[in-house]
Every structure is written in C-alpha cells, then in structure tokens.
Amino acid sequence: MTSDTPHGDLRSFGRRRGRKPTSRQAALLRDVLPRVALDLSAPCGGPTARDTQVPSETWLEIGFGGGEHLLWQAERHPAVSFIGCEPFEDGVIKVLDAIEHQRLTNIRVHMGDARDVLRALPDGSLTRAFILFPDPWPKRKQAKRRLVNATTLDLLARAMRPGAILRLATDIGDYARTTLEAIEREPRFVWLAKSPTDWRVRPPDWPETRYEAKAAAAGRQRYYFSFRRL
C-alpha cells in the first residue's frame, strides 16, 4: 500500500477545489489568506499575527467545511485562539470572507492536511479539538482513509493538554463504531457519555453545520461524541 503524503499518511479528504473562484474570491485567497495562514515553522500554540496578547486557550477544528461551527465559536470566544484546517478551497474562501466582514482576529487557517498542523504543534498546546462530520469513506475498501484512526488520535493526544476536550460527530454508523473502537485502544482519551442522550443529542454550545443539516434532511442518525484527554 502506498501513502499519499510525505509522512506516510493516506489522504483522508476528497477534492481540493470546486468551481473556478470569482475575481473577488481569488482576491481573498491572494490578500487575506497570507495574513491569517498558519506558519508551521513558528510555534503554532502562540497568538495569531493580529493578537495583542497571548491567548489562554487554543482550539483546533479539523475539516471546518463551510466554517459554520468555526465562525460561531470564534465569535463567542474572542479570547480563544482558533486554528481551522480545511483542504477544500471553497470552504476556506467562505471563512476568509467572514474573517474580513466580521473583523475576526482570533482565527488562523491552514488550507491543507490537519495532521501536518498536529505534528507542528507544541506538546499540550490545545484545550479543545473538533472533528465534525469528516469525509466518511463509506465503502469497505475506502475505510482505511478515514481520518479518525490510531495515528490521528496519537497526534491529538500529544498536542492536547490533560483535561482538554475532543468533540467528534458523524452520520455514518460504521464510522461511529470504528471511532469508539479506536478510542478504546487509546488510553489517553476517555468517552464522557453517561447516557444515550449524550451522544444522540447535540449540546447547545455545538452549532449545526451544513453537513449535519444534510444528514438530518436525509433522515440519517447523527452521533455526537465528546472525549477527555487524560
């Protein structure tokens, strides 16, 4: 089996681009992205380029899609430094547009593989991490490309400080199963569910994403998992 990345990781996401960007979208990529892009050669756990003080917390969202969750959290937690990872250009453009219009100063963006960010982060630098409705790779032969696996959980466990929270959501029952199996084999995380409601009902501080809305419209069960880094 051949790998798709320099680190030997299999590619866990699909396409990188949709339609050709408009002139305004191209300007966002040209002018705004360099200002908020994450510098993997710098200490990623530190403040953003426009921060005036070192943040007390750093939260990471892996695969932010259209940015609904990332932007919602960043607006409500201005003292938190956010890192958003998304390889799909259209989603990045949406977040760049919101950063400009809403004058958000606490978001950095990585338009690429989040595992590169996890490898660059200092140990124990994250206080929260989110993986919401990742690419499902539903076919049996594709399952090896799923992002949530032993390797990713190891990277997260190193980058997250004790007590940090990892939230994960999926609408694929088999993905939910393999996630819990992977967590069970990773002793640095514990599942926080006390009853079925804890993984069947989305908490109020967890906004809906467009992918979740599509799953609901299609009548698919959604699974909401919260884990604590020990």
Foldseek 3Di string as FASTA:
>chain_A
DADDDPVRAHAQADDAEDDDDDPVLVCLVVPVQVQQAQDLVDARLFFGPPDPDTAPAEEEEEACALVPQVVLVCVVCVSYAYEYEHQHSVSVSNVSVCCVVVVRRRYHYHNDHCLSVLVSHAFQSHQEYEYEAGDCLPDPVRNSSHPQALVNVVSVLRRHHAFHKYKYKHLDPVVVVRNVVRQVVPVQKDWPDPDPCVFQPDDPSGDDDPVNVVCVVVVTGMTMTMIGGD
